[in-house]
């Protein structure tokens, strides 16, 4: 069980502490095996399970070293899922990744994983959905409500207005 910890880090030497680390490690590997997580998500889960900051740091380092956590992979999956399945725009996706503490380089690298065609399709899907529910007395009023809604979903204002003009 001592081989569990990286050299030089003890996290206390009691058997109970080592056993606790093993239990936490197994719980986090089981989570990471099911879906992608970023470091901040895992740190929060460990905090809720009562892990100390030192234990959290050791466990996250090990999960990264073993490939369970990869922030670049997480960013790509997050971008893909939020744009295609949740109908979010690039702005909102980037804001959420920044809020989770993902490195800006990973965010920048992940954005091109969605093609312009996929992005346009996601935009059109959200637009069609909103067009069914938005009411207004004039075309101008309807267009403004649609634009506000699409911008709130994270689509770039220039992209929204350029594509609303094509309608």
Foldseek 3Di string as FASTA:
>chain_A
DCVLFDPPDCCDPDPVSVVVLVVLLVVLLVVLVVDADALLVSLVVVVVVPDDPSSSVRSSVVCVVVVSYDLLVVLLVQLVCCCQPVLAALQVSLVVSVVSVRDPVSNVVNNVVQPPVSNVVSLVVVLVVLLVPADDDDPVVSLVVSLVVNVVSPHDSVVSVVVSVVD
